């Protein structure tokens, strides 16, 4: 039996930022400044939309539209992980 991972980590978000938006960020910096605006890391709304698309493909379901409107890594992870935990 396999267990499906239903939580996006800070490390995974940093990887997705590089893959979907070409933005390189140290996961430790992302975690330390989790409430800083995505713009401070060089990520714009189009890049965030790319990350949402990657996650939707990975998990085979749509994420709430709130995910693409999040302004900070912490807010984004809260919305995404909440949706994945509840299956919403």
C-alpha atoms as a PDB file:
ATOM      1  CA  UNK A   1       0.000   0.000   0.000  1.00  0.00           C
ATOM      2  CA  UNK A   2       1.310   3.444  -0.888  1.00  0.00           C
ATOM      3  CA  UNK A   3       0.599   6.674   0.903  1.00  0.00           C
ATOM      4  CA  UNK A   4      -0.097   9.717  -1.234  1.00  0.00           C
ATOM      5  CA  UNK A   5       1.804  12.793  -0.141  1.00  0.00           C
ATOM      6  CA  UNK A   6      -0.700  15.586   0.138  1.00  0.00           C
ATOM      7  CA  UNK A   7       1.435  18.380   1.464  1.00  0.00           C
ATOM      8  CA  UNK A   8       3.603  20.782  -0.490  1.00  0.00           C
ATOM      9  CA  UNK A   9       6.767  21.674   1.418  1.00  0.00           C
ATOM     10  CA  UNK A  10       8.847  24.838   1.300  1.00  0.00           C
ATOM     11  CA  UNK A  11      11.563  22.863  -0.486  1.00  0.00           C
ATOM     12  CA  UNK A  12       9.092  21.699  -3.107  1.00  0.00           C
ATOM     13  CA  UNK A  13       7.791  25.239  -3.573  1.00  0.00           C
ATOM     14  CA  UNK A  14      11.363  26.440  -4.171  1.00  0.00           C
ATOM     15  CA  UNK A  15      11.815  23.688  -6.784  1.00  0.00           C
ATOM     16  CA  UNK A  16       8.525  24.629  -8.450  1.00  0.00           C
ATOM     17  CA  UNK A  17       9.534  28.292  -8.512  1.00  0.00           C
ATOM     18  CA  UNK A  18      12.653  27.298 -10.471  1.00  0.00           C
ATOM     19  CA  UNK A  19      10.847  24.868 -12.780  1.00  0.00           C
ATOM     20  CA  UNK A  20       7.709  26.897 -13.549  1.00  0.00           C
ATOM     21  CA  UNK A  21       9.055  30.441 -13.363  1.00  0.00           C
ATOM     22  CA  UNK A  22      12.833  30.245 -13.639  1.00  0.00           C
ATOM     23  CA  UNK A  23      13.230  31.838 -10.207  1.00  0.00           C
ATOM     24  CA  UNK A  24      15.994  30.381  -8.064  1.00  0.00           C
ATOM     25  CA  UNK A  25      15.481  30.747  -4.332  1.00  0.00           C
ATOM     26  CA  UNK A  26      17.109  29.013  -1.393  1.00  0.00           C
ATOM     27  CA  UNK A  27      14.441  26.998   0.454  1.00  0.00           C
ATOM     28  CA  UNK A  28      15.870  28.153   3.789  1.00  0.00           C
ATOM     29  CA  UNK A  29      15.481  31.789   2.731  1.00  0.00           C
ATOM     30  CA  UNK A  30      11.954  31.046   1.526  1.00  0.00           C
ATOM     31  CA  UNK A  31      11.126  29.513   4.893  1.00  0.00           C
ATOM     32  CA  UNK A  32      12.725  32.350   6.893  1.00  0.00           C
ATOM     33  CA  UNK A  33      10.837  34.966   4.895  1.00  0.00           C
ATOM     34  CA  UNK A  34       7.608  33.017   4.384  1.00  0.00           C
ATOM     35  CA  UNK A  35       5.459  36.100   4.909  1.00  0.00           C
ATOM     36  CA  UNK A  36       7.398  38.253   2.424  1.00  0.00           C
ATOM     37  CA  UNK A  37       5.639  39.007  -0.869  1.00  0.00           C
ATOM     38  CA  UNK A  38       6.428  36.650  -3.746  1.00  0.00           C
ATOM     39  CA  UNK A  39       7.662  39.739  -5.622  1.00  0.00           C
ATOM     40  CA  UNK A  40      10.551  39.981  -3.130  1.00  0.00           C
ATOM     41  CA  UNK A  41      11.733  36.610  -4.456  1.00  0.00           C
ATOM     42  CA  UNK A  42      11.292  37.660  -8.085  1.00  0.00           C
ATOM     43  CA  UNK A  43       8.085  35.683  -8.656  1.00  0.00           C
ATOM     44  CA  UNK A  44       5.238  37.429 -10.463  1.00  0.00           C
ATOM     45  CA  UNK A  45       1.598  36.420 -10.879  1.00  0.00           C
ATOM     46  CA  UNK A  46       2.297  34.571 -14.128  1.00  0.00           C
ATOM     47  CA  UNK A  47       4.981  32.506 -12.410  1.00  0.00           C
ATOM     48  CA  UNK A  48       2.597  31.693  -9.583  1.00  0.00           C
ATOM     49  CA  UNK A  49       0.005  30.616 -12.119  1.00  0.00           C
ATOM     50  CA  UNK A  50       2.596  28.254 -13.606  1.00  0.00           C
ATOM     51  CA  UNK A  51       3.213  26.742 -10.176  1.00  0.00           C
ATOM     52  CA  UNK A  52      -0.527  26.261  -9.647  1.00  0.00           C
ATOM     53  CA  UNK A  53      -0.725  24.527 -13.039  1.00  0.00           C
ATOM     54  CA  UNK A  54       2.168  22.203 -12.151  1.00  0.00           C
ATOM     55  CA  UNK A  55       0.468  21.230  -8.886  1.00  0.00           C
ATOM     56  CA  UNK A  56      -2.904  20.711 -10.558  1.00  0.00           C
ATOM     57  CA  UNK A  57      -1.274  18.360 -13.073  1.00  0.00           C
ATOM     58  CA  UNK A  58       0.592  16.532 -10.338  1.00  0.00           C
ATOM     59  CA  UNK A  59      -2.448  15.957  -8.127  1.00  0.00           C
ATOM     60  CA  UNK A  60      -5.021  15.607 -10.910  1.00  0.00           C
ATOM     61  CA  UNK A  61      -7.403  18.197  -9.525  1.00  0.00           C
ATOM     62  CA  UNK A  62      -8.051  21.906  -9.657  1.00  0.00           C
ATOM     63  CA  UNK A  63      -6.800  24.062  -6.824  1.00  0.00           C
ATOM     64  CA  UNK A  64      -8.891  26.915  -5.422  1.00  0.00           C
ATOM     65  CA  UNK A  65      -8.572  30.162  -7.370  1.00  0.00           C
ATOM     66  CA  UNK A  66      -7.329  31.687  -4.111  1.00  0.00           C
ATOM     67  CA  UNK A  67      -4.037  29.828  -4.680  1.00  0.00           C
ATOM     68  CA  UNK A  68      -3.091  31.945  -7.678  1.00  0.00           C
ATOM     69  CA  UNK A  69      -3.936  35.125  -5.773  1.00  0.00           C
ATOM     70  CA  UNK A  70      -1.721  34.446  -2.758  1.00  0.00           C
ATOM     71  CA  UNK A  71       0.828  37.127  -2.025  1.00  0.00           C
ATOM     72  CA  UNK A  72       3.321  35.169   0.095  1.00  0.00           C
ATOM     73  CA  UNK A  73       4.783  31.670   0.312  1.00  0.00           C
ATOM     74  CA  UNK A  74       3.078  31.023   3.664  1.00  0.00           C
ATOM     75  CA  UNK A  75      -0.344  32.049   2.344  1.00  0.00           C
ATOM     76  CA  UNK A  76       0.163  29.937  -0.780  1.00  0.00           C
ATOM     77  CA  UNK A  77       1.213  26.829   1.145  1.00  0.00           C
ATOM     78  CA  UNK A  78      -1.688  27.265   3.575  1.00  0.00           C
ATOM     79  CA  UNK A  79      -4.232  27.441   0.740  1.00  0.00           C
ATOM     80  CA  UNK A  80      -2.708  24.617  -1.311  1.00  0.00           C
ATOM     81  CA  UNK A  81      -2.095  22.254   1.597  1.00  0.00           C
ATOM     82  CA  UNK A  82      -5.558  22.970   3.007  1.00  0.00           C
ATOM     83  CA  UNK A  83      -7.133  22.112  -0.335  1.00  0.00           C
ATOM     84  CA  UNK A  84      -5.054  18.942  -0.710  1.00  0.00           C
ATOM     85  CA  UNK A  85      -5.870  17.811   2.836  1.00  0.00           C
ATOM     86  CA  UNK A  86      -9.603  18.238   2.366  1.00  0.00           C
ATOM     87  CA  UNK A  87      -9.706  17.102  -1.243  1.00  0.00           C
ATOM     88  CA  UNK A  88     -11.230  20.434  -2.274  1.00  0.00           C
END
